Amino acid sequence: MAATVDECTVNFFEEGKQVVQELDKEILTKGTWSTIMFKYQDFDKAKDKFGPVKYSIRRYQKRAGEYKMQSKFNISSIDQAEKIISVLQKWIAEGGAE
């Protein structure tokens, strides 16, 4: 658990070996409910190296002084990321942010 939103991470270790490597993060919103977008890679045991870049949007809630992940959406490919970007750009251009 993280005491501040800046400490939230997707880095993960199993048996002393890193299996999720955080490459970058952007804090989209801060507060009791915070939203963070992560750029990361999973370790591929078969190839003994980190796999392709992936993205995740995660929501954290601060309770009892610590941030706990409440939900996540993983974007598993560049193709999916580009489609999400395209739809958001279209909606924004149409005036969807009122």
PDB file of N, CA and C in Angstrom:
ATOM      1  N   MET A   1       0.842  -1.187   0.000  1.00  0.00           N
ATOM      2  CA  MET A   1       0.000   0.000   0.000  1.00  0.00           C
ATOM      3  C   MET A   1       0.887   1.250   0.000  1.00  0.00           C
ATOM      4  N   ALA A   2       0.335   2.331  -0.505  1.00  0.00           N
ATOM      5  CA  ALA A   2       1.080   3.581  -0.626  1.00  0.00           C
ATOM      6  C   ALA A   2       0.450   4.650   0.255  1.00  0.00           C
ATOM      7  N   ALA A   3       1.289   5.436   0.897  1.00  0.00           N
ATOM      8  CA  ALA A   3       0.804   6.509   1.752  1.00  0.00           C
ATOM      9  C   ALA A   3       0.462   7.758   0.947  1.00  0.00           C
ATOM     10  N   THR A   4       1.109   7.927  -0.224  1.00  0.00           N
ATOM     11  CA  THR A   4       0.807   9.052  -1.101  1.00  0.00           C
ATOM     12  C   THR A   4       0.523   8.516  -2.494  1.00  0.00           C
ATOM     13  N   VAL A   5      -0.194   9.309  -3.293  1.00  0.00           N
ATOM     14  CA  VAL A   5      -0.514   8.881  -4.650  1.00  0.00           C
ATOM     15  C   VAL A   5       0.768   8.724  -5.477  1.00  0.00           C
ATOM     16  N   ASP A   6       1.783   9.520  -5.182  1.00  0.00           N
ATOM     17  CA  ASP A   6       3.061   9.422  -5.905  1.00  0.00           C
ATOM     18  C   ASP A   6       3.762   8.083  -5.668  1.00  0.00           C
ATOM     19  N   GLU A   7       3.463   7.425  -4.565  1.00  0.00           N
ATOM     20  CA  GLU A   7       4.084   6.136  -4.247  1.00  0.00           C
ATOM     21  C   GLU A   7       3.384   4.949  -4.909  1.00  0.00           C
ATOM     22  N   CYS A   8       2.211   5.156  -5.483  1.00  0.00           N
ATOM     23  CA  CYS A   8       1.494   4.064  -6.146  1.00  0.00           C
ATOM     24  C   CYS A   8       2.309   3.579  -7.337  1.00  0.00           C
ATOM     25  N   THR A   9       2.380   2.269  -7.507  1.00  0.00           N
ATOM     26  CA  THR A   9       3.182   1.688  -8.572  1.00  0.00           C
ATOM     27  C   THR A   9       2.577   0.372  -9.043  1.00  0.00           C
ATOM     28  N   VAL A  10       2.986  -0.053 -10.239  1.00  0.00           N
ATOM     29  CA  VAL A  10       2.607  -1.376 -10.720  1.00  0.00           C
ATOM     30  C   VAL A  10       3.788  -2.341 -10.641  1.00  0.00           C
ATOM     31  N   ASN A  11       4.958  -1.845 -10.211  1.00  0.00           N
ATOM     32  CA  ASN A  11       6.105  -2.741 -10.026  1.00  0.00           C
ATOM     33  C   ASN A  11       5.685  -3.881  -9.106  1.00  0.00           C
ATOM     34  N   PHE A  12       6.040  -5.103  -9.497  1.00  0.00           N
ATOM     35  CA  PHE A  12       5.636  -6.262  -8.701  1.00  0.00           C
ATOM     36  C   PHE A  12       6.742  -7.307  -8.739  1.00  0.00           C
ATOM     37  N   PHE A  13       6.998  -7.896  -7.584  1.00  0.00           N
ATOM     38  CA  PHE A  13       8.043  -8.904  -7.443  1.00  0.00           C
ATOM     39  C   PHE A  13       7.452 -10.200  -6.900  1.00  0.00           C
ATOM     40  N   GLU A  14       7.924 -11.332  -7.417  1.00  0.00           N
ATOM     41  CA  GLU A  14       7.564 -12.662  -6.911  1.00  0.00           C
ATOM     42  C   GLU A  14       8.855 -13.413  -6.646  1.00  0.00           C
ATOM     43  N   GLU A  15       8.978 -13.932  -5.457  1.00  0.00           N
ATOM     44  CA  GLU A  15      10.158 -14.696  -5.065  1.00  0.00           C
ATOM     45  C   GLU A  15      11.447 -13.947  -5.391  1.00  0.00           C
ATOM     46  N   GLY A  16      11.440 -12.633  -5.134  1.00  0.00           N
ATOM     47  CA  GLY A  16      12.627 -11.810  -5.333  1.00  0.00           C
ATOM     48  C   GLY A  16      12.908 -11.404  -6.765  1.00  0.00           C
ATOM     49  N   LYS A  17      12.066 -11.815  -7.707  1.00  0.00           N
ATOM     50  CA  LYS A  17      12.273 -11.482  -9.118  1.00  0.00           C
ATOM     51  C   LYS A  17      11.162 -10.543  -9.588  1.00  0.00           C
ATOM     52  N   GLN A  18      11.550  -9.495 -10.310  1.00  0.00           N
ATOM     53  CA  GLN A  18      10.559  -8.542 -10.804  1.00  0.00           C
ATOM     54  C   GLN A  18       9.780  -9.162 -11.951  1.00  0.00           C
ATOM     55  N   VAL A  19       8.440  -9.167 -11.819  1.00  0.00           N
ATOM     56  CA  VAL A  19       7.582  -9.755 -12.843  1.00  0.00           C
ATOM     57  C   VAL A  19       6.728  -8.699 -13.558  1.00  0.00           C
ATOM     58  N   VAL A  20       6.615  -7.511 -12.969  1.00  0.00           N
ATOM     59  CA  VAL A  20       5.973  -6.372 -13.634  1.00  0.00           C
ATOM     60  C   VAL A  20       6.906  -5.183 -13.441  1.00  0.00           C
ATOM     61  N   GLN A  21       7.244  -4.561 -14.570  1.00  0.00           N
ATOM     62  CA  GLN A  21       8.189  -3.447 -14.554  1.00  0.00           C
ATOM     63  C   GLN A  21       7.479  -2.172 -15.007  1.00  0.00           C
ATOM     64  N   GLU A  22       7.392  -1.205 -14.111  1.00  0.00           N
ATOM     65  CA  GLU A  22       6.790   0.083 -14.445  1.00  0.00           C
ATOM     66  C   GLU A  22       7.787   0.903 -15.257  1.00  0.00           C
ATOM     67  N   LEU A  23       7.347   1.389 -16.410  1.00  0.00           N
ATOM     68  CA  LEU A  23       8.212   2.193 -17.270  1.00  0.00           C
ATOM     69  C   LEU A  23       7.937   3.688 -17.117  1.00  0.00           C
ATOM     70  N   ASP A  24       6.691   4.026 -16.836  1.00  0.00           N
ATOM     71  CA  ASP A  24       6.315   5.432 -16.681  1.00  0.00           C
ATOM     72  C   ASP A  24       4.926   5.488 -16.046  1.00  0.00           C
ATOM     73  N   LYS A  25       4.576   6.648 -15.512  1.00  0.00           N
ATOM     74  CA  LYS A  25       3.218   6.833 -14.992  1.00  0.00           C
ATOM     75  C   LYS A  25       2.854   8.300 -15.065  1.00  0.00           C
ATOM     76  N   GLU A  26       1.567   8.538 -15.197  1.00  0.00           N
ATOM     77  CA  GLU A  26       1.010   9.888 -15.189  1.00  0.00           C
ATOM     78  C   GLU A  26      -0.156   9.888 -14.218  1.00  0.00           C
ATOM     79  N   ILE A  27      -0.111  10.795 -13.275  1.00  0.00           N
ATOM     80  CA  ILE A  27      -1.213  10.933 -12.327  1.00  0.00           C
ATOM     81  C   ILE A  27      -2.247  11.837 -12.989  1.00  0.00           C
ATOM     82  N   LEU A  28      -3.418  11.276 -13.277  1.00  0.00           N
ATOM     83  CA  LEU A  28      -4.472  12.016 -13.979  1.00  0.00           C
ATOM     84  C   LEU A  28      -5.312  12.845 -13.025  1.00  0.00           C
ATOM     85  N   THR A  29      -5.602  12.300 -11.838  1.00  0.00           N
ATOM     86  CA  THR A  29      -6.330  13.045 -10.803  1.00  0.00           C
ATOM     87  C   THR A  29      -5.763  12.673  -9.446  1.00  0.00           C
ATOM     88  N   LYS A  30      -5.790  13.645  -8.534  1.00  0.00           N
ATOM     89  CA  LYS A  30      -5.329  13.419  -7.163  1.00  0.00           C
ATOM     90  C   LYS A  30      -6.482  13.708  -6.213  1.00  0.00           C
ATOM     91  N   GLY A  31      -6.446  13.073  -5.067  1.00  0.00           N
ATOM     92  CA  GLY A  31      -7.458  13.296  -4.049  1.00  0.00           C
ATOM     93  C   GLY A  31      -7.774  11.991  -3.350  1.00  0.00           C
ATOM     94  N   THR A  32      -8.902  11.957  -2.658  1.00  0.00           N
ATOM     95  CA  THR A  32      -9.321  10.727  -1.993  1.00  0.00           C
ATOM     96  C   THR A  32      -9.469   9.608  -3.011  1.00  0.00           C
ATOM     97  N   TRP A  33      -9.985   9.950  -4.189  1.00  0.00           N
ATOM     98  CA  TRP A  33     -10.027   9.040  -5.322  1.00  0.00           C
ATOM     99  C   TRP A  33      -9.030   9.571  -6.340  1.00  0.00           C
ATOM    100  N   SER A  34      -8.041   8.778  -6.688  1.00  0.00           N
ATOM    101  CA  SER A  34      -7.015   9.180  -7.640  1.00  0.00           C
ATOM    102  C   SER A  34      -6.994   8.226  -8.822  1.00  0.00           C
ATOM    103  N   THR A  35      -6.654   8.776  -9.991  1.00  0.00           N
ATOM    104  CA  THR A  35      -6.569   7.990 -11.218  1.00  0.00           C
ATOM    105  C   THR A  35      -5.160   8.119 -11.768  1.00  0.00           C
ATOM    106  N   ILE A  36      -4.550   6.973 -12.081  1.00  0.00           N
ATOM    107  CA  ILE A  36      -3.178   6.952 -12.588  1.00  0.00           C
ATOM    108  C   ILE A  36      -3.120   6.079 -13.832  1.00  0.00           C
ATOM    109  N   MET A  37      -2.384   6.557 -14.836  1.00  0.00           N
ATOM    110  CA  MET A  37      -2.138   5.761 -16.032  1.00  0.00           C
ATOM    111  C   MET A  37      -0.681   5.286 -15.971  1.00  0.00           C
ATOM    112  N   PHE A  38      -0.508   3.980 -16.179  1.00  0.00           N
ATOM    113  CA  PHE A  38       0.822   3.375 -16.127  1.00  0.00           C
ATOM    114  C   PHE A  38       1.226   2.817 -17.484  1.00  0.00           C
ATOM    115  N   LYS A  39       2.505   2.906 -17.778  1.00  0.00           N
ATOM    116  CA  LYS A  39       3.134   2.227 -18.915  1.00  0.00           C
ATOM    117  C   LYS A  39       4.024   1.164 -18.275  1.00  0.00           C
ATOM    118  N   TYR A  40       3.850  -0.109 -18.691  1.00  0.00           N
ATOM    119  CA  TYR A  40       4.560  -1.184 -18.006  1.00  0.00           C
ATOM    120  C   TYR A  40       4.834  -2.368 -18.932  1.00  0.00           C
ATOM    121  N   GLN A  41       5.596  -3.330 -18.421  1.00  0.00           N
ATOM    122  CA  GLN A  41       5.861  -4.583 -19.116  1.00  0.00           C
ATOM    123  C   GLN A  41       5.747  -5.729 -18.121  1.00  0.00           C
ATOM    124  N   ASP A  42       5.222  -6.860 -18.602  1.00  0.00           N
ATOM    125  CA  ASP A  42       5.191  -8.091 -17.823  1.00  0.00           C
ATOM    126  C   ASP A  42       6.407  -8.932 -18.199  1.00  0.00           C
ATOM    127  N   PHE A  43       6.927  -9.676 -17.233  1.00  0.00           N
ATOM    128  CA  PHE A  43       8.050 -10.561 -17.503  1.00  0.00           C
ATOM    129  C   PHE A  43       7.540 -11.838 -18.152  1.00  0.00           C
ATOM    130  N   ASP A  44       8.146 -12.217 -19.261  1.00  0.00           N
ATOM    131  CA  ASP A  44       7.803 -13.437 -19.991  1.00  0.00           C
ATOM    132  C   ASP A  44       8.784 -14.526 -19.558  1.00  0.00           C
ATOM    133  N   LYS A  45       8.315 -15.450 -18.722  1.00  0.00           N
ATOM    134  CA  LYS A  45       9.192 -16.502 -18.190  1.00  0.00           C
ATOM    135  C   LYS A  45       9.755 -17.390 -19.299  1.00  0.00           C
ATOM    136  N   ALA A  46       8.938 -17.681 -20.308  1.00  0.00           N
ATOM    137  CA  ALA A  46       9.376 -18.556 -21.399  1.00  0.00           C
ATOM    138  C   ALA A  46      10.548 -17.952 -22.173  1.00  0.00           C
ATOM    139  N   LYS A  47      10.516 -16.646 -22.360  1.00  0.00           N
ATOM    140  CA  LYS A  47      11.579 -15.969 -23.119  1.00  0.00           C
ATOM    141  C   LYS A  47      12.652 -15.374 -22.215  1.00  0.00           C
ATOM    142  N   ASP A  48      12.414 -15.429 -20.908  1.00  0.00           N
ATOM    143  CA  ASP A  48      13.329 -14.892 -19.900  1.00  0.00           C
ATOM    144  C   ASP A  48      13.650 -13.411 -20.141  1.00  0.00           C
ATOM    145  N   LYS A  49      12.610 -12.656 -20.517  1.00  0.00           N
ATOM    146  CA  LYS A  49      12.767 -11.216 -20.690  1.00  0.00           C
ATOM    147  C   LYS A  49      11.396 -10.555 -20.597  1.00  0.00           C
ATOM    148  N   PHE A  50      11.417  -9.233 -20.480  1.00  0.00           N
ATOM    149  CA  PHE A  50      10.162  -8.497 -20.418  1.00  0.00           C
ATOM    150  C   PHE A  50       9.520  -8.443 -21.795  1.00  0.00           C
ATOM    151  N   GLY A  51       8.191  -8.534 -21.806  1.00  0.00           N
ATOM    152  CA  GLY A  51       7.423  -8.566 -23.040  1.00  0.00           C
ATOM    153  C   GLY A  51       7.101  -7.185 -23.569  1.00  0.00           C
ATOM    154  N   PRO A  52       6.092  -7.110 -24.434  1.00  0.00           N
ATOM    155  CA  PRO A  52       5.732  -5.832 -25.059  1.00  0.00           C
ATOM    156  C   PRO A  52       5.176  -4.828 -24.050  1.00  0.00           C
ATOM    157  N   VAL A  53       5.252  -3.572 -24.433  1.00  0.00           N
ATOM    158  CA  VAL A  53       4.737  -2.492 -23.591  1.00  0.00           C
ATOM    159  C   VAL A  53       3.217  -2.596 -23.521  1.00  0.00           C
ATOM    160  N   LYS A  54       2.697  -2.391 -22.323  1.00  0.00           N
ATOM    161  CA  LYS A  54       1.259  -2.376 -22.074  1.00  0.00           C
ATOM    162  C   LYS A  54       0.924  -1.112 -21.289  1.00  0.00           C
ATOM    163  N   TYR A  55      -0.366  -0.838 -21.158  1.00  0.00           N
ATOM    164  CA  TYR A  55      -0.823   0.360 -20.458  1.00  0.00           C
ATOM    165  C   TYR A  55      -1.963  -0.027 -19.525  1.00  0.00           C
ATOM    166  N   SER A  56      -2.079   0.699 -18.423  1.00  0.00           N
ATOM    167  CA  SER A  56      -3.137   0.425 -17.463  1.00  0.00           C
ATOM    168  C   SER A  56      -3.621   1.734 -16.853  1.00  0.00           C
ATOM    169  N   ILE A  57      -4.937   1.863 -16.713  1.00  0.00           N
ATOM    170  CA  ILE A  57      -5.535   2.993 -16.009  1.00  0.00           C
ATOM    171  C   ILE A  57      -6.111   2.424 -14.724  1.00  0.00           C
ATOM    172  N   ARG A  58      -5.677   2.983 -13.605  1.00  0.00           N
ATOM    173  CA  ARG A  58      -6.093   2.446 -12.302  1.00  0.00           C
ATOM    174  C   ARG A  58      -6.655   3.529 -11.402  1.00  0.00           C
ATOM    175  N   ARG A  59      -7.684   3.140 -10.639  1.00  0.00           N
ATOM    176  CA  ARG A  59      -8.310   4.040  -9.673  1.00  0.00           C
ATOM    177  C   ARG A  59      -7.933   3.575  -8.272  1.00  0.00           C
ATOM    178  N   TYR A  60      -7.508   4.537  -7.468  1.00  0.00           N
ATOM    179  CA  TYR A  60      -7.111   4.266  -6.091  1.00  0.00           C
ATOM    180  C   TYR A  60      -7.984   5.080  -5.158  1.00  0.00           C
ATOM    181  N   GLN A  61      -8.304   4.490  -4.007  1.00  0.00           N
ATOM    182  CA  GLN A  61      -9.040   5.196  -2.965  1.00  0.00           C
ATOM    183  C   GLN A  61      -8.162   5.261  -1.728  1.00  0.00           C
ATOM    184  N   LYS A  62      -8.113   6.451  -1.120  1.00  0.00           N
ATOM    185  CA  LYS A  62      -7.341   6.606   0.107  1.00  0.00           C
ATOM    186  C   LYS A  62      -8.242   6.310   1.291  1.00  0.00           C
ATOM    187  N   ARG A  63      -7.841   5.316   2.070  1.00  0.00           N
ATOM    188  CA  ARG A  63      -8.563   4.911   3.282  1.00  0.00           C
ATOM    189  C   ARG A  63      -7.549   4.627   4.365  1.00  0.00           C
ATOM    190  N   ALA A  64      -7.833   5.095   5.542  1.00  0.00           N
ATOM    191  CA  ALA A  64      -6.959   4.876   6.699  1.00  0.00           C
ATOM    192  C   ALA A  64      -5.518   5.271   6.376  1.00  0.00           C
ATOM    193  N   GLY A  65      -5.375   6.347   5.612  1.00  0.00           N
ATOM    194  CA  GLY A  65      -4.048   6.888   5.326  1.00  0.00           C
ATOM    195  C   GLY A  65      -3.273   6.186   4.228  1.00  0.00           C
ATOM    196  N   GLU A  66      -3.888   5.220   3.533  1.00  0.00           N
ATOM    197  CA  GLU A  66      -3.185   4.502   2.480  1.00  0.00           C
ATOM    198  C   GLU A  66      -4.053   4.395   1.231  1.00  0.00           C
ATOM    199  N   TYR A  67      -3.387   4.432   0.076  1.00  0.00           N
ATOM    200  CA  TYR A  67      -4.081   4.262  -1.196  1.00  0.00           C
ATOM    201  C   TYR A  67      -4.192   2.790  -1.537  1.00  0.00           C
ATOM    202  N   LYS A  68      -5.408   2.379  -1.894  1.00  0.00           N
ATOM    203  CA  LYS A  68      -5.661   0.993  -2.266  1.00  0.00           C
ATOM    204  C   LYS A  68      -6.324   0.984  -3.642  1.00  0.00           C
ATOM    205  N   MET A  69      -5.813   0.129  -4.550  1.00  0.00           N
ATOM    206  CA  MET A  69      -6.400   0.054  -5.875  1.00  0.00           C
ATOM    207  C   MET A  69      -7.824  -0.483  -5.780  1.00  0.00           C
ATOM    208  N   GLN A  70      -8.755   0.202  -6.452  1.00  0.00           N
ATOM    209  CA  GLN A  70     -10.157  -0.202  -6.437  1.00  0.00           C
ATOM    210  C   GLN A  70     -10.596  -0.800  -7.769  1.00  0.00           C
ATOM    211  N   SER A  71      -9.991  -0.323  -8.867  1.00  0.00           N
ATOM    212  CA  SER A  71     -10.357  -0.850 -10.179  1.00  0.00           C
ATOM    213  C   SER A  71      -9.222  -0.572 -11.154  1.00  0.00           C
ATOM    214  N   LYS A  72      -9.242  -1.333 -12.264  1.00  0.00           N
ATOM    215  CA  LYS A  72      -8.221  -1.113 -13.280  1.00  0.00           C
ATOM    216  C   LYS A  72      -8.764  -1.513 -14.648  1.00  0.00           C
ATOM    217  N   PHE A  73      -8.181  -0.894 -15.651  1.00  0.00           N
ATOM    218  CA  PHE A  73      -8.457  -1.250 -17.037  1.00  0.00           C
ATOM    219  C   PHE A  73      -7.111  -1.374 -17.722  1.00  0.00           C
ATOM    220  N   ASN A  74      -6.797  -2.563 -18.214  1.00  0.00           N
ATOM    221  CA  ASN A  74      -5.534  -2.799 -18.898  1.00  0.00           C
ATOM    222  C   ASN A  74      -5.729  -2.680 -20.398  1.00  0.00           C
ATOM    223  N   ILE A  75      -4.886  -1.874 -21.015  1.00  0.00           N
ATOM    224  CA  ILE A  75      -4.853  -1.737 -22.471  1.00  0.00           C
ATOM    225  C   ILE A  75      -3.716  -2.634 -22.923  1.00  0.00           C
ATOM    226  N   SER A  76      -4.063  -3.721 -23.589  1.00  0.00           N
ATOM    227  CA  SER A  76      -3.083  -4.787 -23.808  1.00  0.00           C
ATOM    228  C   SER A  76      -2.327  -4.716 -25.124  1.00  0.00           C
ATOM    229  N   SER A  77      -2.629  -3.718 -25.971  1.00  0.00           N
ATOM    230  CA  SER A  77      -1.889  -3.640 -27.232  1.00  0.00           C
ATOM    231  C   SER A  77      -1.865  -2.206 -27.734  1.00  0.00           C
ATOM    232  N   ILE A  78      -0.915  -1.925 -28.595  1.00  0.00           N
ATOM    233  CA  ILE A  78      -0.824  -0.614 -29.227  1.00  0.00           C
ATOM    234  C   ILE A  78      -2.088  -0.359 -30.059  1.00  0.00           C
ATOM    235  N   ASP A  79      -2.567  -1.386 -30.755  1.00  0.00           N
ATOM    236  CA  ASP A  79      -3.774  -1.257 -31.571  1.00  0.00           C
ATOM    237  C   ASP A  79      -4.969  -0.802 -30.726  1.00  0.00           C
ATOM    238  N   GLN A  80      -5.161  -1.434 -29.586  1.00  0.00           N
ATOM    239  CA  GLN A  80      -6.266  -1.054 -28.718  1.00  0.00           C
ATOM    240  C   GLN A  80      -6.081   0.378 -28.203  1.00  0.00           C
ATOM    241  N   ALA A  81      -4.858   0.751 -27.846  1.00  0.00           N
ATOM    242  CA  ALA A  81      -4.577   2.109 -27.372  1.00  0.00           C
ATOM    243  C   ALA A  81      -4.906   3.135 -28.450  1.00  0.00           C
ATOM    244  N   GLU A  82      -4.513   2.851 -29.687  1.00  0.00           N
ATOM    245  CA  GLU A  82      -4.786   3.772 -30.791  1.00  0.00           C
ATOM    246  C   GLU A  82      -6.285   3.924 -31.042  1.00  0.00           C
ATOM    247  N   LYS A  83      -7.041   2.846 -30.901  1.00  0.00           N
ATOM    248  CA  LYS A  83      -8.493   2.918 -31.070  1.00  0.00           C
ATOM    249  C   LYS A  83      -9.132   3.774 -29.977  1.00  0.00           C
ATOM    250  N   ILE A  84      -8.668   3.626 -28.758  1.00  0.00           N
ATOM    251  CA  ILE A  84      -9.188   4.429 -27.639  1.00  0.00           C
ATOM    252  C   ILE A  84      -8.880   5.904 -27.889  1.00  0.00           C
ATOM    253  N   ILE A  85      -7.659   6.202 -28.310  1.00  0.00           N
ATOM    254  CA  ILE A  85      -7.268   7.582 -28.609  1.00  0.00           C
ATOM    255  C   ILE A  85      -8.156   8.154 -29.704  1.00  0.00           C
ATOM    256  N   SER A  86      -8.371   7.386 -30.756  1.00  0.00           N
ATOM    257  CA  SER A  86      -9.185   7.832 -31.892  1.00  0.00           C
ATOM    258  C   SER A  86     -10.614   8.163 -31.470  1.00  0.00           C
ATOM    259  N   VAL A  87     -11.214   7.309 -30.685  1.00  0.00           N
ATOM    260  CA  VAL A  87     -12.591   7.543 -30.226  1.00  0.00           C
ATOM    261  C   VAL A  87     -12.653   8.774 -29.330  1.00  0.00           C
ATOM    262  N   LEU A  88     -11.705   8.908 -28.408  1.00  0.00           N
ATOM    263  CA  LEU A  88     -11.705  10.079 -27.521  1.00  0.00           C
ATOM    264  C   LEU A  88     -11.516  11.369 -28.317  1.00  0.00           C
ATOM    265  N   GLN A  89     -10.606  11.358 -29.298  1.00  0.00           N
ATOM    266  CA  GLN A  89     -10.399  12.557 -30.120  1.00  0.00           C
ATOM    267  C   GLN A  89     -11.673  12.910 -30.887  1.00  0.00           C
ATOM    268  N   LYS A  90     -12.355  11.912 -31.407  1.00  0.00           N
ATOM    269  CA  LYS A  90     -13.609  12.134 -32.138  1.00  0.00           C
ATOM    270  C   LYS A  90     -14.662  12.747 -31.221  1.00  0.00           C
ATOM    271  N   TRP A  91     -14.839  12.161 -30.049  1.00  0.00           N
ATOM    272  CA  TRP A  91     -15.845  12.675 -29.115  1.00  0.00           C
ATOM    273  C   TRP A  91     -15.527  14.091 -28.663  1.00  0.00           C
ATOM    274  N   ILE A  92     -14.265  14.365 -28.396  1.00  0.00           N
ATOM    275  CA  ILE A  92     -13.875  15.701 -27.963  1.00  0.00           C
ATOM    276  C   ILE A  92     -14.121  16.704 -29.080  1.00  0.00           C
ATOM    277  N   ALA A  93     -13.785  16.326 -30.311  1.00  0.00           N
ATOM    278  CA  ALA A  93     -14.007  17.210 -31.464  1.00  0.00           C
ATOM    279  C   ALA A  93     -15.490  17.495 -31.673  1.00  0.00           C
ATOM    280  N   GLU A  94     -16.334  16.535 -31.316  1.00  0.00           N
ATOM    281  CA  GLU A  94     -17.786  16.701 -31.453  1.00  0.00           C
ATOM    282  C   GLU A  94     -18.368  17.567 -30.325  1.00  0.00           C
ATOM    283  N   GLY A  95     -17.541  17.956 -29.402  1.00  0.00           N
ATOM    284  CA  GLY A  95     -18.008  18.803 -28.294  1.00  0.00           C
ATOM    285  C   GLY A  95     -18.554  18.012 -27.128  1.00  0.00           C
ATOM    286  N   GLY A  96     -18.037  16.816 -26.913  1.00  0.00           N
ATOM    287  CA  GLY A  96     -18.537  15.954 -25.864  1.00  0.00           C
ATOM    288  C   GLY A  96     -18.144  16.346 -24.460  1.00  0.00           C
ATOM    289  N   ALA A  97     -17.306  17.372 -24.307  1.00  0.00           N
ATOM    290  CA  ALA A  97     -16.865  17.766 -22.967  1.00  0.00           C
ATOM    291  C   ALA A  97     -17.629  19.010 -22.513  1.00  0.00           C
ATOM    292  N   GLU A  98     -18.862  18.817 -22.163  1.00  0.00           N
ATOM    293  CA  GLU A  98     -19.688  19.955 -21.713  1.00  0.00           C
ATOM    294  C   GLU A  98     -19.931  19.897 -20.233  1.00  0.00           C
TER     295      GLU A  98
END
